[in-house]
Amino acid sequence: MKIKSVNLETVCGITSAIPVNTLPEFAFAGKSNVGKSSLINALVQRKALARTSSEPGKTQTINFYNVNEAFYLVDLPGYGYTKSGRETAAKWGQMVERYLHQSEQLKIIFLLIDIRHEPGANDKQMYDWIVYQGFKPVIIATKLDKIKRSVVEKHKKMLRTGLGMGAEDILIPFSATTKQGLEDIYALLA
């Protein structure tokens, strides 16, 4: 995919109104520090458009990136552990829920899960909630470069089983370092 232009167009905080967009939206959800910002940077072919950090909970807003004046990549705050505390995390959760309910242009929710570990309770809860809302989440199994090639299929099966995915549900292993899986994600965006 040729990226001609990308800009951070809208930032929504806890009290912000969700924008009413006319272009398709593709949202990225996942635990804090799972690699959402790294994936967005890889997709838009920029090193530091979305801020990355080794500290969980860096993204505290819903960030709308306008790509090629054709669609939005929507970076959602991470769930799970954050240094900001439970009360703030709960408000982020309400903000994300409001977005998922209100967006009329949301086409796909990409749920990012670390391929190295079994899905946690938060991952399963988010997966089930997305399905309950009528979406078929696309699972992006991040940090692919951190495991040996010989165990990839075993870990994919572990994620599918842990989430209760069907055989037809999409799971894409991805590495922000090697860019493996990027073309598969571009195909879904197209």
N, C-alpha and C. Protein backbone atom coordinates (compact mmCIF):
# COMPACT_ATOMS: atom_id res chain seq x y z
N MET A 1 0.86 -1.18 0.00
CA MET A 1 0.00 0.00 0.00
C MET A 1 0.90 1.24 0.00
N LYS A 2 0.58 2.16 -0.85
CA LYS A 2 1.35 3.41 -0.95
C LYS A 2 0.75 4.42 0.03
N ILE A 3 1.57 4.87 0.97
CA ILE A 3 1.12 5.88 1.93
C ILE A 3 1.61 7.24 1.44
N LYS A 4 0.67 8.06 0.99
CA LYS A 4 1.02 9.39 0.48
C LYS A 4 0.95 10.42 1.58
N SER A 5 -0.04 10.30 2.45
CA SER A 5 -0.18 11.27 3.53
C SER A 5 -0.77 10.59 4.76
N VAL A 6 -0.36 11.04 5.91
CA VAL A 6 -0.92 10.56 7.16
C VAL A 6 -0.76 11.67 8.19
N ASN A 7 -1.84 11.92 8.92
CA ASN A 7 -1.72 12.89 10.00
C ASN A 7 -2.67 12.55 11.14
N LEU A 8 -2.22 12.92 12.33
CA LEU A 8 -3.05 12.75 13.51
C LEU A 8 -4.09 13.86 13.46
N GLU A 9 -5.31 13.47 13.12
CA GLU A 9 -6.35 14.47 12.87
C GLU A 9 -7.17 14.80 14.10
N THR A 10 -7.50 13.78 14.90
CA THR A 10 -8.36 14.00 16.06
C THR A 10 -7.82 13.22 17.25
N VAL A 11 -7.84 13.86 18.42
CA VAL A 11 -7.46 13.21 19.67
C VAL A 11 -8.64 13.36 20.63
N CYS A 12 -9.18 12.23 21.08
CA CYS A 12 -10.33 12.26 21.98
C CYS A 12 -9.90 11.82 23.38
N GLY A 13 -10.14 12.70 24.34
CA GLY A 13 -9.90 12.36 25.74
C GLY A 13 -11.16 11.81 26.38
N ILE A 14 -11.08 11.60 27.67
CA ILE A 14 -12.18 10.99 28.41
C ILE A 14 -13.48 11.77 28.26
N THR A 15 -13.40 13.11 28.20
CA THR A 15 -14.62 13.92 28.14
C THR A 15 -14.94 14.41 26.73
N SER A 16 -14.11 14.04 25.74
CA SER A 16 -14.31 14.53 24.37
C SER A 16 -15.49 13.84 23.68
N ALA A 17 -16.07 14.57 22.75
CA ALA A 17 -17.10 13.98 21.89
C ALA A 17 -16.41 13.13 20.83
N ILE A 18 -17.02 12.01 20.49
CA ILE A 18 -16.49 11.14 19.44
C ILE A 18 -16.77 11.82 18.10
N PRO A 19 -15.76 11.96 17.23
CA PRO A 19 -16.01 12.64 15.95
C PRO A 19 -16.93 11.84 15.04
N VAL A 20 -17.68 12.54 14.24
CA VAL A 20 -18.54 11.90 13.24
C VAL A 20 -17.77 11.99 11.91
N ASN A 21 -17.16 10.89 11.52
CA ASN A 21 -16.35 10.84 10.30
C ASN A 21 -17.15 10.26 9.15
N THR A 22 -16.71 10.60 7.94
CA THR A 22 -17.38 10.05 6.75
C THR A 22 -16.50 9.00 6.07
N LEU A 23 -15.26 8.86 6.51
CA LEU A 23 -14.35 7.87 5.93
C LEU A 23 -14.35 6.61 6.79
N PRO A 24 -14.03 5.44 6.20
CA PRO A 24 -13.98 4.20 6.97
C PRO A 24 -12.95 4.30 8.12
N GLU A 25 -13.27 3.62 9.21
CA GLU A 25 -12.39 3.59 10.38
C GLU A 25 -11.99 2.15 10.68
N PHE A 26 -10.73 1.97 11.04
CA PHE A 26 -10.19 0.67 11.43
C PHE A 26 -9.56 0.86 12.81
N ALA A 27 -10.12 0.21 13.82
CA ALA A 27 -9.69 0.42 15.21
C ALA A 27 -8.72 -0.67 15.66
N PHE A 28 -7.81 -0.26 16.54
CA PHE A 28 -6.80 -1.16 17.10
C PHE A 28 -6.93 -1.18 18.61
N ALA A 29 -7.30 -2.36 19.14
CA ALA A 29 -7.48 -2.54 20.58
C ALA A 29 -6.49 -3.57 21.07
N GLY A 30 -6.21 -3.54 22.36
CA GLY A 30 -5.32 -4.53 22.96
C GLY A 30 -4.83 -4.07 24.31
N LYS A 31 -4.18 -4.98 25.01
CA LYS A 31 -3.60 -4.67 26.31
C LYS A 31 -2.59 -3.55 26.19
N SER A 32 -2.35 -2.88 27.29
CA SER A 32 -1.27 -1.91 27.34
C SER A 32 0.04 -2.61 26.97
N ASN A 33 0.83 -1.98 26.11
CA ASN A 33 2.16 -2.46 25.72
C ASN A 33 2.15 -3.68 24.80
N VAL A 34 1.05 -3.95 24.13
CA VAL A 34 0.99 -5.10 23.23
C VAL A 34 1.55 -4.76 21.84
N GLY A 35 1.67 -3.47 21.54
CA GLY A 35 2.25 -3.08 20.26
C GLY A 35 1.32 -2.37 19.30
N LYS A 36 0.25 -1.76 19.81
CA LYS A 36 -0.70 -1.06 18.93
C LYS A 36 -0.03 0.10 18.19
N SER A 37 0.68 0.94 18.92
CA SER A 37 1.34 2.09 18.30
C SER A 37 2.43 1.64 17.33
N SER A 38 3.16 0.61 17.67
CA SER A 38 4.20 0.07 16.77
C SER A 38 3.59 -0.44 15.47
N LEU A 39 2.44 -1.11 15.58
CA LEU A 39 1.75 -1.61 14.39
C LEU A 39 1.29 -0.44 13.52
N ILE A 40 0.69 0.57 14.14
CA ILE A 40 0.23 1.73 13.37
C ILE A 40 1.42 2.41 12.67
N ASN A 41 2.53 2.58 13.38
CA ASN A 41 3.72 3.16 12.75
C ASN A 41 4.18 2.33 11.56
N ALA A 42 4.15 1.01 11.69
CA ALA A 42 4.55 0.13 10.57
C ALA A 42 3.58 0.28 9.40
N LEU A 43 2.28 0.35 9.68
CA LEU A 43 1.28 0.46 8.63
C LEU A 43 1.42 1.76 7.83
N VAL A 44 1.72 2.85 8.53
CA VAL A 44 1.82 4.14 7.84
C VAL A 44 3.25 4.46 7.41
N GLN A 45 4.15 3.50 7.64
CA GLN A 45 5.55 3.62 7.20
C GLN A 45 6.24 4.85 7.79
N ARG A 46 5.98 5.07 9.08
CA ARG A 46 6.63 6.15 9.83
C ARG A 46 7.25 5.54 11.09
N LYS A 47 8.34 6.10 11.55
CA LYS A 47 8.99 5.55 12.73
C LYS A 47 8.33 5.97 14.04
N ALA A 48 7.81 7.18 14.11
CA ALA A 48 7.34 7.67 15.40
C ALA A 48 6.08 8.52 15.30
N LEU A 49 5.17 8.18 14.40
CA LEU A 49 3.91 8.92 14.34
C LEU A 49 3.10 8.66 15.61
N ALA A 50 2.81 7.38 15.86
CA ALA A 50 2.15 6.99 17.10
C ALA A 50 3.25 6.79 18.14
N ARG A 51 3.08 7.40 19.31
CA ARG A 51 4.12 7.32 20.34
C ARG A 51 4.17 5.93 20.95
N THR A 52 5.37 5.38 20.99
CA THR A 52 5.57 4.08 21.61
C THR A 52 6.33 4.27 22.91
N SER A 53 6.19 3.30 23.81
CA SER A 53 6.87 3.40 25.09
C SER A 53 6.98 2.01 25.70
N SER A 54 8.00 1.81 26.51
CA SER A 54 8.10 0.55 27.24
C SER A 54 7.21 0.61 28.49
N GLU A 55 6.70 1.79 28.79
CA GLU A 55 5.82 1.97 29.95
C GLU A 55 4.36 1.75 29.54
N PRO A 56 3.67 0.78 30.19
CA PRO A 56 2.27 0.53 29.83
C PRO A 56 1.40 1.75 30.05
N GLY A 57 0.38 1.89 29.20
CA GLY A 57 -0.61 2.94 29.38
C GLY A 57 -0.20 4.28 28.80
N LYS A 58 0.72 4.30 27.84
CA LYS A 58 1.18 5.57 27.25
C LYS A 58 0.07 6.24 26.45
N THR A 59 -0.68 5.44 25.65
CA THR A 59 -1.78 6.02 24.88
C THR A 59 -2.98 6.17 25.82
N GLN A 60 -3.35 7.42 26.10
CA GLN A 60 -4.44 7.68 27.04
C GLN A 60 -5.63 8.35 26.36
N THR A 61 -5.58 8.42 25.04
CA THR A 61 -6.64 9.04 24.27
C THR A 61 -6.97 8.13 23.09
N ILE A 62 -8.09 8.41 22.42
CA ILE A 62 -8.39 7.74 21.16
C ILE A 62 -7.82 8.64 20.07
N ASN A 63 -6.89 8.11 19.31
CA ASN A 63 -6.19 8.89 18.29
C ASN A 63 -6.63 8.46 16.89
N PHE A 64 -7.10 9.43 16.11
CA PHE A 64 -7.58 9.18 14.75
C PHE A 64 -6.52 9.65 13.75
N TYR A 65 -5.91 8.69 13.04
CA TYR A 65 -4.91 9.01 12.03
C TYR A 65 -5.56 8.94 10.65
N ASN A 66 -5.58 10.06 9.94
CA ASN A 66 -6.15 10.12 8.59
C ASN A 66 -5.06 9.66 7.62
N VAL A 67 -5.35 8.61 6.86
CA VAL A 67 -4.37 8.03 5.94
C VAL A 67 -4.85 8.26 4.51
N ASN A 68 -4.03 8.95 3.74
CA ASN A 68 -4.29 9.21 2.31
C ASN A 68 -5.65 9.88 2.05
N GLU A 69 -6.20 10.55 3.06
CA GLU A 69 -7.54 11.14 2.92
C GLU A 69 -8.57 10.08 2.50
N ALA A 70 -8.27 8.80 2.85
CA ALA A 70 -9.12 7.69 2.41
C ALA A 70 -9.74 6.91 3.56
N PHE A 71 -9.04 6.84 4.70
CA PHE A 71 -9.56 6.10 5.86
C PHE A 71 -8.81 6.54 7.11
N TYR A 72 -9.34 6.08 8.26
CA TYR A 72 -8.72 6.38 9.55
C TYR A 72 -8.21 5.10 10.20
N LEU A 73 -7.03 5.18 10.78
CA LEU A 73 -6.56 4.18 11.72
C LEU A 73 -6.81 4.77 13.10
N VAL A 74 -7.50 4.02 13.94
CA VAL A 74 -7.92 4.53 15.25
C VAL A 74 -7.19 3.75 16.34
N ASP A 75 -6.30 4.45 17.05
CA ASP A 75 -5.49 3.86 18.12
C ASP A 75 -6.23 4.05 19.44
N LEU A 76 -6.68 2.93 20.02
CA LEU A 76 -7.43 2.97 21.28
C LEU A 76 -6.49 2.80 22.47
N PRO A 77 -6.82 3.39 23.62
CA PRO A 77 -5.99 3.18 24.82
C PRO A 77 -5.96 1.70 25.18
N GLY A 78 -4.84 1.27 25.70
CA GLY A 78 -4.73 -0.14 26.10
C GLY A 78 -5.52 -0.44 27.35
N TYR A 79 -5.91 -1.70 27.48
CA TYR A 79 -6.60 -2.13 28.69
C TYR A 79 -5.64 -2.97 29.52
N GLY A 80 -6.03 -3.23 30.76
CA GLY A 80 -5.16 -4.00 31.64
C GLY A 80 -4.30 -3.09 32.48
N TYR A 81 -3.08 -3.50 32.72
CA TYR A 81 -2.19 -2.78 33.62
C TYR A 81 -1.83 -1.40 33.09
N THR A 82 -1.87 -0.41 33.97
CA THR A 82 -1.39 0.92 33.65
C THR A 82 -0.95 1.58 34.95
N LYS A 83 0.04 2.45 34.87
CA LYS A 83 0.49 3.17 36.06
C LYS A 83 -0.50 4.26 36.46
N SER A 84 -1.47 4.53 35.61
CA SER A 84 -2.43 5.60 35.88
C SER A 84 -3.49 5.22 36.91
N GLY A 85 -3.58 3.95 37.24
CA GLY A 85 -4.53 3.51 38.26
C GLY A 85 -5.83 2.98 37.68
N ARG A 86 -6.55 2.26 38.52
CA ARG A 86 -7.79 1.59 38.09
C ARG A 86 -8.88 2.56 37.70
N GLU A 87 -9.00 3.66 38.44
CA GLU A 87 -10.08 4.62 38.16
C GLU A 87 -9.91 5.21 36.75
N THR A 88 -8.67 5.59 36.43
CA THR A 88 -8.40 6.13 35.09
C THR A 88 -8.62 5.06 34.03
N ALA A 89 -8.14 3.84 34.29
CA ALA A 89 -8.32 2.74 33.34
C ALA A 89 -9.80 2.48 33.09
N ALA A 90 -10.61 2.57 34.13
CA ALA A 90 -12.06 2.36 33.97
C ALA A 90 -12.67 3.45 33.09
N LYS A 91 -12.21 4.70 33.25
CA LYS A 91 -12.70 5.79 32.41
C LYS A 91 -12.28 5.58 30.96
N TRP A 92 -11.05 5.09 30.74
CA TRP A 92 -10.61 4.78 29.37
C TRP A 92 -11.54 3.73 28.77
N GLY A 93 -11.87 2.70 29.59
CA GLY A 93 -12.75 1.64 29.12
C GLY A 93 -14.10 2.19 28.69
N GLN A 94 -14.65 3.11 29.46
CA GLN A 94 -15.93 3.72 29.11
C GLN A 94 -15.80 4.54 27.83
N MET A 95 -14.67 5.22 27.67
CA MET A 95 -14.44 6.03 26.47
C MET A 95 -14.36 5.13 25.23
N VAL A 96 -13.66 4.01 25.35
CA VAL A 96 -13.54 3.07 24.23
C VAL A 96 -14.91 2.48 23.90
N GLU A 97 -15.65 2.11 24.93
CA GLU A 97 -16.99 1.55 24.71
C GLU A 97 -17.88 2.57 24.00
N ARG A 98 -17.80 3.83 24.41
CA ARG A 98 -18.58 4.89 23.77
C ARG A 98 -18.21 4.99 22.29
N TYR A 99 -16.92 4.95 22.00
CA TYR A 99 -16.48 5.01 20.61
C TYR A 99 -17.03 3.83 19.80
N LEU A 100 -16.89 2.63 20.33
CA LEU A 100 -17.33 1.44 19.59
C LEU A 100 -18.84 1.46 19.35
N HIS A 101 -19.59 2.03 20.28
CA HIS A 101 -21.05 2.15 20.10
C HIS A 101 -21.43 3.25 19.13
N GLN A 102 -20.69 4.36 19.15
CA GLN A 102 -21.11 5.54 18.40
C GLN A 102 -20.57 5.63 16.97
N SER A 103 -19.44 5.01 16.70
CA SER A 103 -18.86 5.15 15.36
C SER A 103 -19.75 4.48 14.32
N GLU A 104 -20.09 5.24 13.31
CA GLU A 104 -20.89 4.69 12.21
C GLU A 104 -20.01 4.22 11.06
N GLN A 105 -18.72 4.53 11.12
CA GLN A 105 -17.80 4.18 10.03
C GLN A 105 -16.84 3.06 10.40
N LEU A 106 -16.97 2.48 11.59
CA LEU A 106 -16.05 1.43 12.04
C LEU A 106 -16.26 0.18 11.20
N LYS A 107 -15.22 -0.23 10.50
CA LYS A 107 -15.31 -1.39 9.60
C LYS A 107 -14.73 -2.65 10.22
N ILE A 108 -13.56 -2.52 10.86
CA ILE A 108 -12.89 -3.68 11.45
C ILE A 108 -12.29 -3.26 12.78
N ILE A 109 -12.38 -4.16 13.76
CA ILE A 109 -11.65 -3.99 15.01
C ILE A 109 -10.52 -5.02 15.00
N PHE A 110 -9.31 -4.53 15.03
CA PHE A 110 -8.14 -5.39 15.15
C PHE A 110 -7.83 -5.51 16.63
N LEU A 111 -7.85 -6.73 17.14
CA LEU A 111 -7.53 -6.98 18.55
C LEU A 111 -6.13 -7.57 18.61
N LEU A 112 -5.21 -6.84 19.22
CA LEU A 112 -3.82 -7.26 19.29
C LEU A 112 -3.57 -8.04 20.56
N ILE A 113 -2.93 -9.21 20.40
CA ILE A 113 -2.60 -10.07 21.53
C ILE A 113 -1.18 -10.58 21.34
N ASP A 114 -0.40 -10.57 22.39
CA ASP A 114 0.99 -11.03 22.36
C ASP A 114 1.01 -12.53 22.08
N ILE A 115 1.65 -12.92 20.98
CA ILE A 115 1.68 -14.33 20.56
C ILE A 115 2.42 -15.23 21.55
N ARG A 116 3.23 -14.63 22.41
CA ARG A 116 4.06 -15.43 23.33
C ARG A 116 3.27 -16.02 24.49
N HIS A 117 2.09 -15.43 24.78
CA HIS A 117 1.36 -15.81 25.99
C HIS A 117 -0.08 -16.21 25.69
N GLU A 118 -0.62 -17.06 26.55
CA GLU A 118 -2.05 -17.38 26.44
C GLU A 118 -2.85 -16.10 26.65
N PRO A 119 -4.00 -15.98 25.98
CA PRO A 119 -4.82 -14.78 26.20
C PRO A 119 -5.21 -14.67 27.67
N GLY A 120 -5.07 -13.47 28.22
CA GLY A 120 -5.47 -13.24 29.61
C GLY A 120 -6.97 -13.03 29.71
N ALA A 121 -7.44 -12.89 30.93
CA ALA A 121 -8.87 -12.67 31.17
C ALA A 121 -9.33 -11.40 30.47
N ASN A 122 -8.50 -10.35 30.50
CA ASN A 122 -8.87 -9.09 29.84
C ASN A 122 -9.00 -9.28 28.33
N ASP A 123 -8.08 -10.07 27.74
CA ASP A 123 -8.13 -10.33 26.30
C ASP A 123 -9.42 -11.08 25.93
N LYS A 124 -9.72 -12.10 26.69
CA LYS A 124 -10.93 -12.90 26.43
C LYS A 124 -12.18 -12.05 26.60
N GLN A 125 -12.20 -11.23 27.64
CA GLN A 125 -13.35 -10.36 27.89
C GLN A 125 -13.52 -9.37 26.73
N MET A 126 -12.43 -8.78 26.24
CA MET A 126 -12.51 -7.83 25.13
C MET A 126 -12.96 -8.54 23.86
N TYR A 127 -12.41 -9.72 23.60
CA TYR A 127 -12.80 -10.49 22.41
C TYR A 127 -14.30 -10.78 22.45
N ASP A 128 -14.77 -11.30 23.59
CA ASP A 128 -16.19 -11.64 23.72
C ASP A 128 -17.07 -10.40 23.58
N TRP A 129 -16.62 -9.27 24.15
CA TRP A 129 -17.41 -8.04 24.09
C TRP A 129 -17.51 -7.55 22.65
N ILE A 130 -16.40 -7.61 21.90
CA ILE A 130 -16.40 -7.18 20.50
C ILE A 130 -17.38 -8.04 19.69
N VAL A 131 -17.32 -9.35 19.91
CA VAL A 131 -18.23 -10.27 19.22
C VAL A 131 -19.67 -9.96 19.60
N TYR A 132 -19.93 -9.72 20.88
CA TYR A 132 -21.27 -9.39 21.37
C TYR A 132 -21.81 -8.12 20.70
N GLN A 133 -20.90 -7.18 20.38
CA GLN A 133 -21.30 -5.93 19.73
C GLN A 133 -21.59 -6.11 18.24
N GLY A 134 -21.39 -7.34 17.73
CA GLY A 134 -21.72 -7.62 16.33
C GLY A 134 -20.54 -7.54 15.38
N PHE A 135 -19.34 -7.42 15.91
CA PHE A 135 -18.14 -7.38 15.07
C PHE A 135 -17.42 -8.72 15.10
N LYS A 136 -16.68 -8.98 14.03
CA LYS A 136 -15.78 -10.14 13.98
C LYS A 136 -14.37 -9.59 14.13
N PRO A 137 -13.81 -9.62 15.33
CA PRO A 137 -12.48 -9.04 15.49
C PRO A 137 -11.43 -9.82 14.68
N VAL A 138 -10.48 -9.09 14.13
CA VAL A 138 -9.33 -9.70 13.49
C VAL A 138 -8.22 -9.71 14.53
N ILE A 139 -7.70 -10.88 14.83
CA ILE A 139 -6.66 -11.00 15.84
C ILE A 139 -5.30 -10.78 15.19
N ILE A 140 -4.54 -9.83 15.75
CA ILE A 140 -3.16 -9.61 15.33
C ILE A 140 -2.29 -10.14 16.46
N ALA A 141 -1.57 -11.22 16.18
CA ALA A 141 -0.70 -11.85 17.17
C ALA A 141 0.67 -11.16 17.09
N THR A 142 0.90 -10.22 17.99
CA THR A 142 2.09 -9.37 17.94
C THR A 142 3.33 -10.05 18.53
N LYS A 143 4.46 -9.41 18.29
CA LYS A 143 5.76 -9.82 18.84
C LYS A 143 6.20 -11.17 18.29
N LEU A 144 5.85 -11.42 17.02
CA LEU A 144 6.17 -12.68 16.35
C LEU A 144 7.67 -12.96 16.35
N ASP A 145 8.47 -11.91 16.24
CA ASP A 145 9.93 -12.09 16.19
C ASP A 145 10.51 -12.55 17.52
N LYS A 146 9.71 -12.57 18.59
CA LYS A 146 10.20 -12.95 19.92
C LYS A 146 10.08 -14.45 20.19
N ILE A 147 9.47 -15.20 19.24
CA ILE A 147 9.38 -16.66 19.42
C ILE A 147 10.05 -17.37 18.25
N LYS A 148 10.42 -18.62 18.47
CA LYS A 148 11.06 -19.42 17.42
C LYS A 148 10.03 -19.81 16.37
N ARG A 149 10.47 -19.86 15.14
CA ARG A 149 9.59 -20.24 14.03
C ARG A 149 8.92 -21.59 14.26
N SER A 150 9.63 -22.49 14.92
CA SER A 150 9.12 -23.84 15.12
C SER A 150 7.90 -23.91 16.04
N VAL A 151 7.64 -22.85 16.82
CA VAL A 151 6.50 -22.89 17.75
C VAL A 151 5.36 -21.95 17.32
N VAL A 152 5.48 -21.32 16.17
CA VAL A 152 4.45 -20.36 15.73
C VAL A 152 3.08 -21.02 15.64
N GLU A 153 2.98 -22.16 14.97
CA GLU A 153 1.68 -22.83 14.81
C GLU A 153 1.08 -23.22 16.16
N LYS A 154 1.92 -23.69 17.06
CA LYS A 154 1.46 -24.06 18.41
C LYS A 154 0.89 -22.83 19.13
N HIS A 155 1.57 -21.69 19.01
CA HIS A 155 1.11 -20.47 19.68
C HIS A 155 -0.15 -19.91 19.03
N LYS A 156 -0.26 -20.02 17.71
CA LYS A 156 -1.49 -19.60 17.03
C LYS A 156 -2.67 -20.42 17.54
N LYS A 157 -2.47 -21.72 17.66
CA LYS A 157 -3.52 -22.61 18.16
C LYS A 157 -3.89 -22.24 19.61
N MET A 158 -2.87 -21.93 20.41
CA MET A 158 -3.10 -21.52 21.80
C MET A 158 -3.99 -20.27 21.86
N LEU A 159 -3.73 -19.30 20.99
CA LEU A 159 -4.55 -18.09 20.96
C LEU A 159 -5.97 -18.40 20.50
N ARG A 160 -6.09 -19.17 19.42
CA ARG A 160 -7.42 -19.52 18.90
C ARG A 160 -8.26 -20.24 19.97
N THR A 161 -7.64 -21.19 20.64
CA THR A 161 -8.34 -21.95 21.67
C THR A 161 -8.69 -21.07 22.86
N GLY A 162 -7.72 -20.27 23.30
CA GLY A 162 -7.92 -19.41 24.47
C GLY A 162 -9.01 -18.37 24.28
N LEU A 163 -9.17 -17.90 23.05
CA LEU A 163 -10.20 -16.90 22.76
C LEU A 163 -11.53 -17.53 22.35
N GLY A 164 -11.50 -18.81 21.97
CA GLY A 164 -12.71 -19.46 21.48
C GLY A 164 -13.02 -19.05 20.05
N MET A 165 -11.98 -18.87 19.24
CA MET A 165 -12.16 -18.44 17.85
C MET A 165 -12.65 -19.59 16.99
N GLY A 166 -13.42 -19.25 15.97
CA GLY A 166 -13.86 -20.24 15.00
C GLY A 166 -12.79 -20.42 13.93
N ALA A 167 -12.89 -21.48 13.16
CA ALA A 167 -11.90 -21.77 12.11
C ALA A 167 -11.88 -20.68 11.05
N GLU A 168 -13.02 -20.01 10.83
CA GLU A 168 -13.11 -18.97 9.80
C GLU A 168 -12.61 -17.61 10.29
N ASP A 169 -12.39 -17.47 11.60
CA ASP A 169 -11.93 -16.20 12.15
C ASP A 169 -10.47 -15.95 11.78
N ILE A 170 -10.14 -14.69 11.55
CA ILE A 170 -8.81 -14.32 11.04
C ILE A 170 -7.84 -14.05 12.18
N LEU A 171 -6.67 -14.68 12.09
CA LEU A 171 -5.56 -14.44 13.02
C LEU A 171 -4.32 -14.21 12.17
N ILE A 172 -3.67 -13.07 12.37
CA ILE A 172 -2.48 -12.72 11.59
C ILE A 172 -1.30 -12.54 12.54
N PRO A 173 -0.29 -13.42 12.44
CA PRO A 173 0.94 -13.20 13.21
C PRO A 173 1.68 -11.98 12.64
N PHE A 174 2.20 -11.12 13.55
CA PHE A 174 2.82 -9.87 13.10
C PHE A 174 4.06 -9.54 13.93
N SER A 175 5.04 -8.99 13.23
CA SER A 175 6.24 -8.47 13.90
C SER A 175 6.49 -7.05 13.44
N ALA A 176 6.54 -6.12 14.38
CA ALA A 176 6.86 -4.72 14.05
C ALA A 176 8.32 -4.60 13.63
N THR A 177 9.15 -5.53 14.07
CA THR A 177 10.58 -5.50 13.75
C THR A 177 10.84 -5.97 12.32
N THR A 178 10.27 -7.13 11.96
CA THR A 178 10.54 -7.70 10.62
C THR A 178 9.47 -7.31 9.60
N LYS A 179 8.36 -6.76 10.07
CA LYS A 179 7.20 -6.37 9.23
C LYS A 179 6.43 -7.59 8.70
N GLN A 180 6.75 -8.77 9.18
CA GLN A 180 6.00 -9.96 8.76
C GLN A 180 4.54 -9.80 9.18
N GLY A 181 3.62 -10.08 8.25
CA GLY A 181 2.19 -9.97 8.50
C GLY A 181 1.60 -8.66 8.00
N LEU A 182 2.46 -7.69 7.68
CA LEU A 182 2.00 -6.37 7.26
C LEU A 182 1.14 -6.43 6.00
N GLU A 183 1.56 -7.22 5.02
CA GLU A 183 0.81 -7.32 3.75
C GLU A 183 -0.58 -7.90 3.98
N ASP A 184 -0.70 -8.84 4.91
CA ASP A 184 -2.01 -9.41 5.22
C ASP A 184 -2.95 -8.37 5.82
N ILE A 185 -2.40 -7.49 6.64
CA ILE A 185 -3.20 -6.43 7.25
C ILE A 185 -3.59 -5.40 6.19
N TYR A 186 -2.65 -5.04 5.32
CA TYR A 186 -2.96 -4.12 4.21
C TYR A 186 -4.10 -4.66 3.35
N ALA A 187 -4.10 -5.98 3.11
CA ALA A 187 -5.15 -6.59 2.29
C ALA A 187 -6.52 -6.38 2.92
N LEU A 188 -6.60 -6.45 4.25
CA LEU A 188 -7.89 -6.23 4.95
C LEU A 188 -8.28 -4.76 4.90
N LEU A 189 -7.31 -3.86 4.97
CA LEU A 189 -7.61 -2.43 4.91
C LEU A 189 -8.13 -2.05 3.52
N ALA A 190 -7.64 -2.74 2.50
CA ALA A 190 -8.06 -2.45 1.12
C ALA A 190 -9.50 -2.90 0.91
